[in-house]
PDBML (XML) file of the C-alpha atoms, coordinates in Angstrom:
<?xml version="1.0" encoding="UTF-8" ?>
<PDBx:datablock datablockName="MODEL"
   xmlns:PDBx="http://pdbml.pdb.org/schema/pdbx-v50.xsd"
   xmlns:xsi="http://www.w3.org/2001/XMLSchema-instance"
   xsi:schemaLocation="http://pdbml.pdb.org/schema/pdbx-v50.xsd pdbx-v50.xsd">
   <PDBx:atom_siteCategory>
      <PDBx:atom_site id="1">
         <PDBx:B_iso_or_equiv>0.00</PDBx:B_iso_or_equiv>
         <PDBx:Cartn_x>7.549</PDBx:Cartn_x>
         <PDBx:Cartn_y>-4.431</PDBx:Cartn_y>
         <PDBx:Cartn_z>9.086</PDBx:Cartn_z>
         <PDBx:auth_asym_id>A</PDBx:auth_asym_id>
         <PDBx:auth_atom_id>CA</PDBx:auth_atom_id>
         <PDBx:auth_comp_id>UNK</PDBx:auth_comp_id>
         <PDBx:auth_seq_id>1</PDBx:auth_seq_id>
         <PDBx:group_PDB>ATOM</PDBx:group_PDB>
         <PDBx:label_alt_id xsi:nil="true" />
         <PDBx:label_asym_id>A</PDBx:label_asym_id>
         <PDBx:label_atom_id>CA</PDBx:label_atom_id>
         <PDBx:label_comp_id>UNK</PDBx:label_comp_id>
         <PDBx:label_entity_id>1</PDBx:label_entity_id>
         <PDBx:label_seq_id>1</PDBx:label_seq_id>
         <PDBx:occupancy>1.00</PDBx:occupancy>
         <PDBx:pdbx_PDB_model_num>1</PDBx:pdbx_PDB_model_num>
         <PDBx:type_symbol>C</PDBx:type_symbol>
      </PDBx:atom_site>
      <PDBx:atom_site id="2">
         <PDBx:B_iso_or_equiv>0.00</PDBx:B_iso_or_equiv>
         <PDBx:Cartn_x>3.932</PDBx:Cartn_x>
         <PDBx:Cartn_y>-2.170</PDBx:Cartn_y>
         <PDBx:Cartn_z>8.702</PDBx:Cartn_z>
         <PDBx:auth_asym_id>A</PDBx:auth_asym_id>
         <PDBx:auth_atom_id>CA</PDBx:auth_atom_id>
         <PDBx:auth_comp_id>UNK</PDBx:auth_comp_id>
         <PDBx:auth_seq_id>2</PDBx:auth_seq_id>
         <PDBx:group_PDB>ATOM</PDBx:group_PDB>
         <PDBx:label_alt_id xsi:nil="true" />
         <PDBx:label_asym_id>A</PDBx:label_asym_id>
         <PDBx:label_atom_id>CA</PDBx:label_atom_id>
         <PDBx:label_comp_id>UNK</PDBx:label_comp_id>
         <PDBx:label_entity_id>1</PDBx:label_entity_id>
         <PDBx:label_seq_id>2</PDBx:label_seq_id>
         <PDBx:occupancy>1.00</PDBx:occupancy>
         <PDBx:pdbx_PDB_model_num>1</PDBx:pdbx_PDB_model_num>
         <PDBx:type_symbol>C</PDBx:type_symbol>
      </PDBx:atom_site>
      <PDBx:atom_site id="3">
         <PDBx:B_iso_or_equiv>0.00</PDBx:B_iso_or_equiv>
         <PDBx:Cartn_x>1.887</PDBx:Cartn_x>
         <PDBx:Cartn_y>-1.227</PDBx:Cartn_y>
         <PDBx:Cartn_z>6.083</PDBx:Cartn_z>
         <PDBx:auth_asym_id>A</PDBx:auth_asym_id>
         <PDBx:auth_atom_id>CA</PDBx:auth_atom_id>
         <PDBx:auth_comp_id>UNK</PDBx:auth_comp_id>
         <PDBx:auth_seq_id>3</PDBx:auth_seq_id>
         <PDBx:group_PDB>ATOM</PDBx:group_PDB>
         <PDBx:label_alt_id xsi:nil="true" />
         <PDBx:label_asym_id>A</PDBx:label_asym_id>
         <PDBx:label_atom_id>CA</PDBx:label_atom_id>
         <PDBx:label_comp_id>UNK</PDBx:label_comp_id>
         <PDBx:label_entity_id>1</PDBx:label_entity_id>
         <PDBx:label_seq_id>3</PDBx:label_seq_id>
         <PDBx:occupancy>1.00</PDBx:occupancy>
         <PDBx:pdbx_PDB_model_num>1</PDBx:pdbx_PDB_model_num>
         <PDBx:type_symbol>C</PDBx:type_symbol>
      </PDBx:atom_site>
      <PDBx:atom_site id="4">
         <PDBx:B_iso_or_equiv>0.00</PDBx:B_iso_or_equiv>
         <PDBx:Cartn_x>1.195</PDBx:Cartn_x>
         <PDBx:Cartn_y>2.474</PDBx:Cartn_y>
         <PDBx:Cartn_z>5.685</PDBx:Cartn_z>
         <PDBx:auth_asym_id>A</PDBx:auth_asym_id>
         <PDBx:auth_atom_id>CA</PDBx:auth_atom_id>
         <PDBx:auth_comp_id>UNK</PDBx:auth_comp_id>
         <PDBx:auth_seq_id>4</PDBx:auth_seq_id>
         <PDBx:group_PDB>ATOM</PDBx:group_PDB>
         <PDBx:label_alt_id xsi:nil="true" />
         <PDBx:label_asym_id>A</PDBx:label_asym_id>
         <PDBx:label_atom_id>CA</PDBx:label_atom_id>
         <PDBx:label_comp_id>UNK</PDBx:label_comp_id>
         <PDBx:label_entity_id>1</PDBx:label_entity_id>
         <PDBx:label_seq_id>4</PDBx:label_seq_id>
         <PDBx:occupancy>1.00</PDBx:occupancy>
         <PDBx:pdbx_PDB_model_num>1</PDBx:pdbx_PDB_model_num>
         <PDBx:type_symbol>C</PDBx:type_symbol>
      </PDBx:atom_site>
      <PDBx:atom_site id="5">
         <PDBx:B_iso_or_equiv>0.00</PDBx:B_iso_or_equiv>
         <PDBx:Cartn_x>-2.040</PDBx:Cartn_x>
         <PDBx:Cartn_y>4.117</PDBx:Cartn_y>
         <PDBx:Cartn_z>6.128</PDBx:Cartn_z>
         <PDBx:auth_asym_id>A</PDBx:auth_asym_id>
         <PDBx:auth_atom_id>CA</PDBx:auth_atom_id>
         <PDBx:auth_comp_id>UNK</PDBx:auth_comp_id>
         <PDBx:auth_seq_id>5</PDBx:auth_seq_id>
         <PDBx:group_PDB>ATOM</PDBx:group_PDB>
         <PDBx:label_alt_id xsi:nil="true" />
         <PDBx:label_asym_id>A</PDBx:label_asym_id>
         <PDBx:label_atom_id>CA</PDBx:label_atom_id>
         <PDBx:label_comp_id>UNK</PDBx:label_comp_id>
         <PDBx:label_entity_id>1</PDBx:label_entity_id>
         <PDBx:label_seq_id>5</PDBx:label_seq_id>
         <PDBx:occupancy>1.00</PDBx:occupancy>
         <PDBx:pdbx_PDB_model_num>1</PDBx:pdbx_PDB_model_num>
         <PDBx:type_symbol>C</PDBx:type_symbol>
      </PDBx:atom_site>
      <PDBx:atom_site id="6">
         <PDBx:B_iso_or_equiv>0.00</PDBx:B_iso_or_equiv>
         <PDBx:Cartn_x>-3.841</PDBx:Cartn_x>
         <PDBx:Cartn_y>5.905</PDBx:Cartn_y>
         <PDBx:Cartn_z>3.079</PDBx:Cartn_z>
         <PDBx:auth_asym_id>A</PDBx:auth_asym_id>
         <PDBx:auth_atom_id>CA</PDBx:auth_atom_id>
         <PDBx:auth_comp_id>UNK</PDBx:auth_comp_id>
         <PDBx:auth_seq_id>6</PDBx:auth_seq_id>
         <PDBx:group_PDB>ATOM</PDBx:group_PDB>
         <PDBx:label_alt_id xsi:nil="true" />
         <PDBx:label_asym_id>A</PDBx:label_asym_id>
         <PDBx:label_atom_id>CA</PDBx:label_atom_id>
         <PDBx:label_comp_id>UNK</PDBx:label_comp_id>
         <PDBx:label_entity_id>1</PDBx:label_entity_id>
         <PDBx:label_seq_id>6</PDBx:label_seq_id>
         <PDBx:occupancy>1.00</PDBx:occupancy>
         <PDBx:pdbx_PDB_model_num>1</PDBx:pdbx_PDB_model_num>
         <PDBx:type_symbol>C</PDBx:type_symbol>
      </PDBx:atom_site>
      <PDBx:atom_site id="7">
         <PDBx:B_iso_or_equiv>0.00</PDBx:B_iso_or_equiv>
         <PDBx:Cartn_x>-1.382</PDBx:Cartn_x>
         <PDBx:Cartn_y>9.060</PDBx:Cartn_y>
         <PDBx:Cartn_z>1.865</PDBx:Cartn_z>
         <PDBx:auth_asym_id>A</PDBx:auth_asym_id>
         <PDBx:auth_atom_id>CA</PDBx:auth_atom_id>
         <PDBx:auth_comp_id>UNK</PDBx:auth_comp_id>
         <PDBx:auth_seq_id>7</PDBx:auth_seq_id>
         <PDBx:group_PDB>ATOM</PDBx:group_PDB>
         <PDBx:label_alt_id xsi:nil="true" />
         <PDBx:label_asym_id>A</PDBx:label_asym_id>
         <PDBx:label_atom_id>CA</PDBx:label_atom_id>
         <PDBx:label_comp_id>UNK</PDBx:label_comp_id>
         <PDBx:label_entity_id>1</PDBx:label_entity_id>
         <PDBx:label_seq_id>7</PDBx:label_seq_id>
         <PDBx:occupancy>1.00</PDBx:occupancy>
         <PDBx:pdbx_PDB_model_num>1</PDBx:pdbx_PDB_model_num>
         <PDBx:type_symbol>C</PDBx:type_symbol>
      </PDBx:atom_site>
      <PDBx:atom_site id="8">
         <PDBx:B_iso_or_equiv>0.00</PDBx:B_iso_or_equiv>
         <PDBx:Cartn_x>0.134</PDBx:Cartn_x>
         <PDBx:Cartn_y>11.139</PDBx:Cartn_y>
         <PDBx:Cartn_z>-1.021</PDBx:Cartn_z>
         <PDBx:auth_asym_id>A</PDBx:auth_asym_id>
         <PDBx:auth_atom_id>CA</PDBx:auth_atom_id>
         <PDBx:auth_comp_id>UNK</PDBx:auth_comp_id>
         <PDBx:auth_seq_id>8</PDBx:auth_seq_id>
         <PDBx:group_PDB>ATOM</PDBx:group_PDB>
         <PDBx:label_alt_id xsi:nil="true" />
         <PDBx:label_asym_id>A</PDBx:label_asym_id>
         <PDBx:label_atom_id>CA</PDBx:label_atom_id>
         <PDBx:label_comp_id>UNK</PDBx:label_comp_id>
         <PDBx:label_entity_id>1</PDBx:label_entity_id>
         <PDBx:label_seq_id>8</PDBx:label_seq_id>
         <PDBx:occupancy>1.00</PDBx:occupancy>
         <PDBx:pdbx_PDB_model_num>1</PDBx:pdbx_PDB_model_num>
         <PDBx:type_symbol>C</PDBx:type_symbol>
      </PDBx:atom_site>
      <PDBx:atom_site id="9">
         <PDBx:B_iso_or_equiv>0.00</PDBx:B_iso_or_equiv>
         <PDBx:Cartn_x>-3.174</PDBx:Cartn_x>
         <PDBx:Cartn_y>10.255</PDBx:Cartn_y>
         <PDBx:Cartn_z>-2.937</PDBx:Cartn_z>
         <PDBx:auth_asym_id>A</PDBx:auth_asym_id>
         <PDBx:auth_atom_id>CA</PDBx:auth_atom_id>
         <PDBx:auth_comp_id>UNK</PDBx:auth_comp_id>
         <PDBx:auth_seq_id>9</PDBx:auth_seq_id>
         <PDBx:group_PDB>ATOM</PDBx:group_PDB>
         <PDBx:label_alt_id xsi:nil="true" />
         <PDBx:label_asym_id>A</PDBx:label_asym_id>
         <PDBx:label_atom_id>CA</PDBx:label_atom_id>
         <PDBx:label_comp_id>UNK</PDBx:label_comp_id>
         <PDBx:label_entity_id>1</PDBx:label_entity_id>
         <PDBx:label_seq_id>9</PDBx:label_seq_id>
         <PDBx:occupancy>1.00</PDBx:occupancy>
         <PDBx:pdbx_PDB_model_num>1</PDBx:pdbx_PDB_model_num>
         <PDBx:type_symbol>C</PDBx:type_symbol>
      </PDBx:atom_site>
      <PDBx:atom_site id="10">
         <PDBx:B_iso_or_equiv>0.00</PDBx:B_iso_or_equiv>
         <PDBx:Cartn_x>-2.712</PDBx:Cartn_x>
         <PDBx:Cartn_y>6.451</PDBx:Cartn_y>
         <PDBx:Cartn_z>-2.376</PDBx:Cartn_z>
         <PDBx:auth_asym_id>A</PDBx:auth_asym_id>
         <PDBx:auth_atom_id>CA</PDBx:auth_atom_id>
         <PDBx:auth_comp_id>UNK</PDBx:auth_comp_id>
         <PDBx:auth_seq_id>10</PDBx:auth_seq_id>
         <PDBx:group_PDB>ATOM</PDBx:group_PDB>
         <PDBx:label_alt_id xsi:nil="true" />
         <PDBx:label_asym_id>A</PDBx:label_asym_id>
         <PDBx:label_atom_id>CA</PDBx:label_atom_id>
         <PDBx:label_comp_id>UNK</PDBx:label_comp_id>
         <PDBx:label_entity_id>1</PDBx:label_entity_id>
         <PDBx:label_seq_id>10</PDBx:label_seq_id>
         <PDBx:occupancy>1.00</PDBx:occupancy>
         <PDBx:pdbx_PDB_model_num>1</PDBx:pdbx_PDB_model_num>
         <PDBx:type_symbol>C</PDBx:type_symbol>
      </PDBx:atom_site>
      <PDBx:atom_site id="11">
         <PDBx:B_iso_or_equiv>0.00</PDBx:B_iso_or_equiv>
         <PDBx:Cartn_x>-5.676</PDBx:Cartn_x>
         <PDBx:Cartn_y>4.945</PDBx:Cartn_y>
         <PDBx:Cartn_z>-1.077</PDBx:Cartn_z>
         <PDBx:auth_asym_id>A</PDBx:auth_asym_id>
         <PDBx:auth_atom_id>CA</PDBx:auth_atom_id>
         <PDBx:auth_comp_id>UNK</PDBx:auth_comp_id>
         <PDBx:auth_seq_id>11</PDBx:auth_seq_id>
         <PDBx:group_PDB>ATOM</PDBx:group_PDB>
         <PDBx:label_alt_id xsi:nil="true" />
         <PDBx:label_asym_id>A</PDBx:label_asym_id>
         <PDBx:label_atom_id>CA</PDBx:label_atom_id>
         <PDBx:label_comp_id>UNK</PDBx:label_comp_id>
         <PDBx:label_entity_id>1</PDBx:label_entity_id>
         <PDBx:label_seq_id>11</PDBx:label_seq_id>
         <PDBx:occupancy>1.00</PDBx:occupancy>
         <PDBx:pdbx_PDB_model_num>1</PDBx:pdbx_PDB_model_num>
         <PDBx:type_symbol>C</PDBx:type_symbol>
      </PDBx:atom_site>
      <PDBx:atom_site id="12">
         <PDBx:B_iso_or_equiv>0.00</PDBx:B_iso_or_equiv>
         <PDBx:Cartn_x>-5.405</PDBx:Cartn_x>
         <PDBx:Cartn_y>2.036</PDBx:Cartn_y>
         <PDBx:Cartn_z>1.716</PDBx:Cartn_z>
         <PDBx:auth_asym_id>A</PDBx:auth_asym_id>
         <PDBx:auth_atom_id>CA</PDBx:auth_atom_id>
         <PDBx:auth_comp_id>UNK</PDBx:auth_comp_id>
         <PDBx:auth_seq_id>12</PDBx:auth_seq_id>
         <PDBx:group_PDB>ATOM</PDBx:group_PDB>
         <PDBx:label_alt_id xsi:nil="true" />
         <PDBx:label_asym_id>A</PDBx:label_asym_id>
         <PDBx:label_atom_id>CA</PDBx:label_atom_id>
         <PDBx:label_comp_id>UNK</PDBx:label_comp_id>
         <PDBx:label_entity_id>1</PDBx:label_entity_id>
         <PDBx:label_seq_id>12</PDBx:label_seq_id>
         <PDBx:occupancy>1.00</PDBx:occupancy>
         <PDBx:pdbx_PDB_model_num>1</PDBx:pdbx_PDB_model_num>
         <PDBx:type_symbol>C</PDBx:type_symbol>
      </PDBx:atom_site>
      <PDBx:atom_site id="13">
         <PDBx:B_iso_or_equiv>0.00</PDBx:B_iso_or_equiv>
         <PDBx:Cartn_x>-6.337</PDBx:Cartn_x>
         <PDBx:Cartn_y>-0.568</PDBx:Cartn_y>
         <PDBx:Cartn_z>-0.790</PDBx:Cartn_z>
         <PDBx:auth_asym_id>A</PDBx:auth_asym_id>
         <PDBx:auth_atom_id>CA</PDBx:auth_atom_id>
         <PDBx:auth_comp_id>UNK</PDBx:auth_comp_id>
         <PDBx:auth_seq_id>13</PDBx:auth_seq_id>
         <PDBx:group_PDB>ATOM</PDBx:group_PDB>
         <PDBx:label_alt_id xsi:nil="true" />
         <PDBx:label_asym_id>A</PDBx:label_asym_id>
         <PDBx:label_atom_id>CA</PDBx:label_atom_id>
         <PDBx:label_comp_id>UNK</PDBx:label_comp_id>
         <PDBx:label_entity_id>1</PDBx:label_entity_id>
         <PDBx:label_seq_id>13</PDBx:label_seq_id>
         <PDBx:occupancy>1.00</PDBx:occupancy>
         <PDBx:pdbx_PDB_model_num>1</PDBx:pdbx_PDB_model_num>
         <PDBx:type_symbol>C</PDBx:type_symbol>
      </PDBx:atom_site>
      <PDBx:atom_site id="14">
         <PDBx:B_iso_or_equiv>0.00</PDBx:B_iso_or_equiv>
         <PDBx:Cartn_x>-3.767</PDBx:Cartn_x>
         <PDBx:Cartn_y>0.617</PDBx:Cartn_y>
         <PDBx:Cartn_z>-3.604</PDBx:Cartn_z>
         <PDBx:auth_asym_id>A</PDBx:auth_asym_id>
         <PDBx:auth_atom_id>CA</PDBx:auth_atom_id>
         <PDBx:auth_comp_id>UNK</PDBx:auth_comp_id>
         <PDBx:auth_seq_id>14</PDBx:auth_seq_id>
         <PDBx:group_PDB>ATOM</PDBx:group_PDB>
         <PDBx:label_alt_id xsi:nil="true" />
         <PDBx:label_asym_id>A</PDBx:label_asym_id>
         <PDBx:label_atom_id>CA</PDBx:label_atom_id>
         <PDBx:label_comp_id>UNK</PDBx:label_comp_id>
         <PDBx:label_entity_id>1</PDBx:label_entity_id>
         <PDBx:label_seq_id>14</PDBx:label_seq_id>
         <PDBx:occupancy>1.00</PDBx:occupancy>
         <PDBx:pdbx_PDB_model_num>1</PDBx:pdbx_PDB_model_num>
         <PDBx:type_symbol>C</PDBx:type_symbol>
      </PDBx:atom_site>
      <PDBx:atom_site id="15">
         <PDBx:B_iso_or_equiv>0.00</PDBx:B_iso_or_equiv>
         <PDBx:Cartn_x>-1.252</PDBx:Cartn_x>
         <PDBx:Cartn_y>0.426</PDBx:Cartn_y>
         <PDBx:Cartn_z>-0.897</PDBx:Cartn_z>
         <PDBx:auth_asym_id>A</PDBx:auth_asym_id>
         <PDBx:auth_atom_id>CA</PDBx:auth_atom_id>
         <PDBx:auth_comp_id>UNK</PDBx:auth_comp_id>
         <PDBx:auth_seq_id>15</PDBx:auth_seq_id>
         <PDBx:group_PDB>ATOM</PDBx:group_PDB>
         <PDBx:label_alt_id xsi:nil="true" />
         <PDBx:label_asym_id>A</PDBx:label_asym_id>
         <PDBx:label_atom_id>CA</PDBx:label_atom_id>
         <PDBx:label_comp_id>UNK</PDBx:label_comp_id>
         <PDBx:label_entity_id>1</PDBx:label_entity_id>
         <PDBx:label_seq_id>15</PDBx:label_seq_id>
         <PDBx:occupancy>1.00</PDBx:occupancy>
         <PDBx:pdbx_PDB_model_num>1</PDBx:pdbx_PDB_model_num>
         <PDBx:type_symbol>C</PDBx:type_symbol>
      </PDBx:atom_site>
      <PDBx:atom_site id="16">
         <PDBx:B_iso_or_equiv>0.00</PDBx:B_iso_or_equiv>
         <PDBx:Cartn_x>-2.135</PDBx:Cartn_x>
         <PDBx:Cartn_y>-3.104</PDBx:Cartn_y>
         <PDBx:Cartn_z>-0.139</PDBx:Cartn_z>
         <PDBx:auth_asym_id>A</PDBx:auth_asym_id>
         <PDBx:auth_atom_id>CA</PDBx:auth_atom_id>
         <PDBx:auth_comp_id>UNK</PDBx:auth_comp_id>
         <PDBx:auth_seq_id>16</PDBx:auth_seq_id>
         <PDBx:group_PDB>ATOM</PDBx:group_PDB>
         <PDBx:label_alt_id xsi:nil="true" />
         <PDBx:label_asym_id>A</PDBx:label_asym_id>
         <PDBx:label_atom_id>CA</PDBx:label_atom_id>
         <PDBx:label_comp_id>UNK</PDBx:label_comp_id>
         <PDBx:label_entity_id>1</PDBx:label_entity_id>
         <PDBx:label_seq_id>16</PDBx:label_seq_id>
         <PDBx:occupancy>1.00</PDBx:occupancy>
         <PDBx:pdbx_PDB_model_num>1</PDBx:pdbx_PDB_model_num>
         <PDBx:type_symbol>C</PDBx:type_symbol>
      </PDBx:atom_site>
      <PDBx:atom_site id="17">
         <PDBx:B_iso_or_equiv>0.00</PDBx:B_iso_or_equiv>
         <PDBx:Cartn_x>-2.075</PDBx:Cartn_x>
         <PDBx:Cartn_y>-4.086</PDBx:Cartn_y>
         <PDBx:Cartn_z>-3.892</PDBx:Cartn_z>
         <PDBx:auth_asym_id>A</PDBx:auth_asym_id>
         <PDBx:auth_atom_id>CA</PDBx:auth_atom_id>
         <PDBx:auth_comp_id>UNK</PDBx:auth_comp_id>
         <PDBx:auth_seq_id>17</PDBx:auth_seq_id>
         <PDBx:group_PDB>ATOM</PDBx:group_PDB>
         <PDBx:label_alt_id xsi:nil="true" />
         <PDBx:label_asym_id>A</PDBx:label_asym_id>
         <PDBx:label_atom_id>CA</PDBx:label_atom_id>
         <PDBx:label_comp_id>UNK</PDBx:label_comp_id>
         <PDBx:label_entity_id>1</PDBx:label_entity_id>
         <PDBx:label_seq_id>17</PDBx:label_seq_id>
         <PDBx:occupancy>1.00</PDBx:occupancy>
         <PDBx:pdbx_PDB_model_num>1</PDBx:pdbx_PDB_model_num>
         <PDBx:type_symbol>C</PDBx:type_symbol>
      </PDBx:atom_site>
      <PDBx:atom_site id="18">
         <PDBx:B_iso_or_equiv>0.00</PDBx:B_iso_or_equiv>
         <PDBx:Cartn_x>1.253</PDBx:Cartn_x>
         <PDBx:Cartn_y>-2.412</PDBx:Cartn_y>
         <PDBx:Cartn_z>-4.277</PDBx:Cartn_z>
         <PDBx:auth_asym_id>A</PDBx:auth_asym_id>
         <PDBx:auth_atom_id>CA</PDBx:auth_atom_id>
         <PDBx:auth_comp_id>UNK</PDBx:auth_comp_id>
         <PDBx:auth_seq_id>18</PDBx:auth_seq_id>
         <PDBx:group_PDB>ATOM</PDBx:group_PDB>
         <PDBx:label_alt_id xsi:nil="true" />
         <PDBx:label_asym_id>A</PDBx:label_asym_id>
         <PDBx:label_atom_id>CA</PDBx:label_atom_id>
         <PDBx:label_comp_id>UNK</PDBx:label_comp_id>
         <PDBx:label_entity_id>1</PDBx:label_entity_id>
         <PDBx:label_seq_id>18</PDBx:label_seq_id>
         <PDBx:occupancy>1.00</PDBx:occupancy>
         <PDBx:pdbx_PDB_model_num>1</PDBx:pdbx_PDB_model_num>
         <PDBx:type_symbol>C</PDBx:type_symbol>
      </PDBx:atom_site>
      <PDBx:atom_site id="19">
         <PDBx:B_iso_or_equiv>0.00</PDBx:B_iso_or_equiv>
         <PDBx:Cartn_x>2.541</PDBx:Cartn_x>
         <PDBx:Cartn_y>-4.145</PDBx:Cartn_y>
         <PDBx:Cartn_z>-1.092</PDBx:Cartn_z>
         <PDBx:auth_asym_id>A</PDBx:auth_asym_id>
         <PDBx:auth_atom_id>CA</PDBx:auth_atom_id>
         <PDBx:auth_comp_id>UNK</PDBx:auth_comp_id>
         <PDBx:auth_seq_id>19</PDBx:auth_seq_id>
         <PDBx:group_PDB>ATOM</PDBx:group_PDB>
         <PDBx:label_alt_id xsi:nil="true" />
         <PDBx:label_asym_id>A</PDBx:label_asym_id>
         <PDBx:label_atom_id>CA</PDBx:label_atom_id>
         <PDBx:label_comp_id>UNK</PDBx:label_comp_id>
         <PDBx:label_entity_id>1</PDBx:label_entity_id>
         <PDBx:label_seq_id>19</PDBx:label_seq_id>
         <PDBx:occupancy>1.00</PDBx:occupancy>
         <PDBx:pdbx_PDB_model_num>1</PDBx:pdbx_PDB_model_num>
         <PDBx:type_symbol>C</PDBx:type_symbol>
      </PDBx:atom_site>
      <PDBx:atom_site id="20">
         <PDBx:B_iso_or_equiv>0.00</PDBx:B_iso_or_equiv>
         <PDBx:Cartn_x>1.225</PDBx:Cartn_x>
         <PDBx:Cartn_y>-7.588</PDBx:Cartn_y>
         <PDBx:Cartn_z>-2.885</PDBx:Cartn_z>
         <PDBx:auth_asym_id>A</PDBx:auth_asym_id>
         <PDBx:auth_atom_id>CA</PDBx:auth_atom_id>
         <PDBx:auth_comp_id>UNK</PDBx:auth_comp_id>
         <PDBx:auth_seq_id>20</PDBx:auth_seq_id>
         <PDBx:group_PDB>ATOM</PDBx:group_PDB>
         <PDBx:label_alt_id xsi:nil="true" />
         <PDBx:label_asym_id>A</PDBx:label_asym_id>
         <PDBx:label_atom_id>CA</PDBx:label_atom_id>
         <PDBx:label_comp_id>UNK</PDBx:label_comp_id>
         <PDBx:label_entity_id>1</PDBx:label_entity_id>
         <PDBx:label_seq_id>20</PDBx:label_seq_id>
         <PDBx:occupancy>1.00</PDBx:occupancy>
         <PDBx:pdbx_PDB_model_num>1</PDBx:pdbx_PDB_model_num>
         <PDBx:type_symbol>C</PDBx:type_symbol>
      </PDBx:atom_site>
      <PDBx:atom_site id="21">
         <PDBx:B_iso_or_equiv>0.00</PDBx:B_iso_or_equiv>
         <PDBx:Cartn_x>2.405</PDBx:Cartn_x>
         <PDBx:Cartn_y>-7.245</PDBx:Cartn_y>
         <PDBx:Cartn_z>-6.312</PDBx:Cartn_z>
         <PDBx:auth_asym_id>A</PDBx:auth_asym_id>
         <PDBx:auth_atom_id>CA</PDBx:auth_atom_id>
         <PDBx:auth_comp_id>UNK</PDBx:auth_comp_id>
         <PDBx:auth_seq_id>21</PDBx:auth_seq_id>
         <PDBx:group_PDB>ATOM</PDBx:group_PDB>
         <PDBx:label_alt_id xsi:nil="true" />
         <PDBx:label_asym_id>A</PDBx:label_asym_id>
         <PDBx:label_atom_id>CA</PDBx:label_atom_id>
         <PDBx:label_comp_id>UNK</PDBx:label_comp_id>
         <PDBx:label_entity_id>1</PDBx:label_entity_id>
         <PDBx:label_seq_id>21</PDBx:label_seq_id>
         <PDBx:occupancy>1.00</PDBx:occupancy>
         <PDBx:pdbx_PDB_model_num>1</PDBx:pdbx_PDB_model_num>
         <PDBx:type_symbol>C</PDBx:type_symbol>
      </PDBx:atom_site>
      <PDBx:atom_site id="22">
         <PDBx:B_iso_or_equiv>0.00</PDBx:B_iso_or_equiv>
         <PDBx:Cartn_x>5.544</PDBx:Cartn_x>
         <PDBx:Cartn_y>-5.053</PDBx:Cartn_y>
         <PDBx:Cartn_z>-5.913</PDBx:Cartn_z>
         <PDBx:auth_asym_id>A</PDBx:auth_asym_id>
         <PDBx:auth_atom_id>CA</PDBx:auth_atom_id>
         <PDBx:auth_comp_id>UNK</PDBx:auth_comp_id>
         <PDBx:auth_seq_id>22</PDBx:auth_seq_id>
         <PDBx:group_PDB>ATOM</PDBx:group_PDB>
         <PDBx:label_alt_id xsi:nil="true" />
         <PDBx:label_asym_id>A</PDBx:label_asym_id>
         <PDBx:label_atom_id>CA</PDBx:label_atom_id>
         <PDBx:label_comp_id>UNK</PDBx:label_comp_id>
         <PDBx:label_entity_id>1</PDBx:label_entity_id>
         <PDBx:label_seq_id>22</PDBx:label_seq_id>
         <PDBx:occupancy>1.00</PDBx:occupancy>
         <PDBx:pdbx_PDB_model_num>1</PDBx:pdbx_PDB_model_num>
         <PDBx:type_symbol>C</PDBx:type_symbol>
      </PDBx:atom_site>
      <PDBx:atom_site id="23">
         <PDBx:B_iso_or_equiv>0.00</PDBx:B_iso_or_equiv>
         <PDBx:Cartn_x>6.642</PDBx:Cartn_x>
         <PDBx:Cartn_y>-5.980</PDBx:Cartn_y>
         <PDBx:Cartn_z>-2.315</PDBx:Cartn_z>
         <PDBx:auth_asym_id>A</PDBx:auth_asym_id>
         <PDBx:auth_atom_id>CA</PDBx:auth_atom_id>
         <PDBx:auth_comp_id>UNK</PDBx:auth_comp_id>
         <PDBx:auth_seq_id>23</PDBx:auth_seq_id>
         <PDBx:group_PDB>ATOM</PDBx:group_PDB>
         <PDBx:label_alt_id xsi:nil="true" />
         <PDBx:label_asym_id>A</PDBx:label_asym_id>
         <PDBx:label_atom_id>CA</PDBx:label_atom_id>
         <PDBx:label_comp_id>UNK</PDBx:label_comp_id>
         <PDBx:label_entity_id>1</PDBx:label_entity_id>
         <PDBx:label_seq_id>23</PDBx:label_seq_id>
         <PDBx:occupancy>1.00</PDBx:occupancy>
         <PDBx:pdbx_PDB_model_num>1</PDBx:pdbx_PDB_model_num>
         <PDBx:type_symbol>C</PDBx:type_symbol>
      </PDBx:atom_site>
      <PDBx:atom_site id="24">
         <PDBx:B_iso_or_equiv>0.00</PDBx:B_iso_or_equiv>
         <PDBx:Cartn_x>5.489</PDBx:Cartn_x>
         <PDBx:Cartn_y>-9.416</PDBx:Cartn_y>
         <PDBx:Cartn_z>-2.817</PDBx:Cartn_z>
         <PDBx:auth_asym_id>A</PDBx:auth_asym_id>
         <PDBx:auth_atom_id>CA</PDBx:auth_atom_id>
         <PDBx:auth_comp_id>UNK</PDBx:auth_comp_id>
         <PDBx:auth_seq_id>24</PDBx:auth_seq_id>
         <PDBx:group_PDB>ATOM</PDBx:group_PDB>
         <PDBx:label_alt_id xsi:nil="true" />
         <PDBx:label_asym_id>A</PDBx:label_asym_id>
         <PDBx:label_atom_id>CA</PDBx:label_atom_id>
         <PDBx:label_comp_id>UNK</PDBx:label_comp_id>
         <PDBx:label_entity_id>1</PDBx:label_entity_id>
         <PDBx:label_seq_id>24</PDBx:label_seq_id>
         <PDBx:occupancy>1.00</PDBx:occupancy>
         <PDBx:pdbx_PDB_model_num>1</PDBx:pdbx_PDB_model_num>
         <PDBx:type_symbol>C</PDBx:type_symbol>
      </PDBx:atom_site>
   </PDBx:atom_siteCategory>
</PDBx:datablock>
């Protein structure tokens, strides 16, 4: 597993939120 950097208009903070709550 590796978290993505900011991409496609999603910030790093939004990606971490999505990881925590959507890929829990």
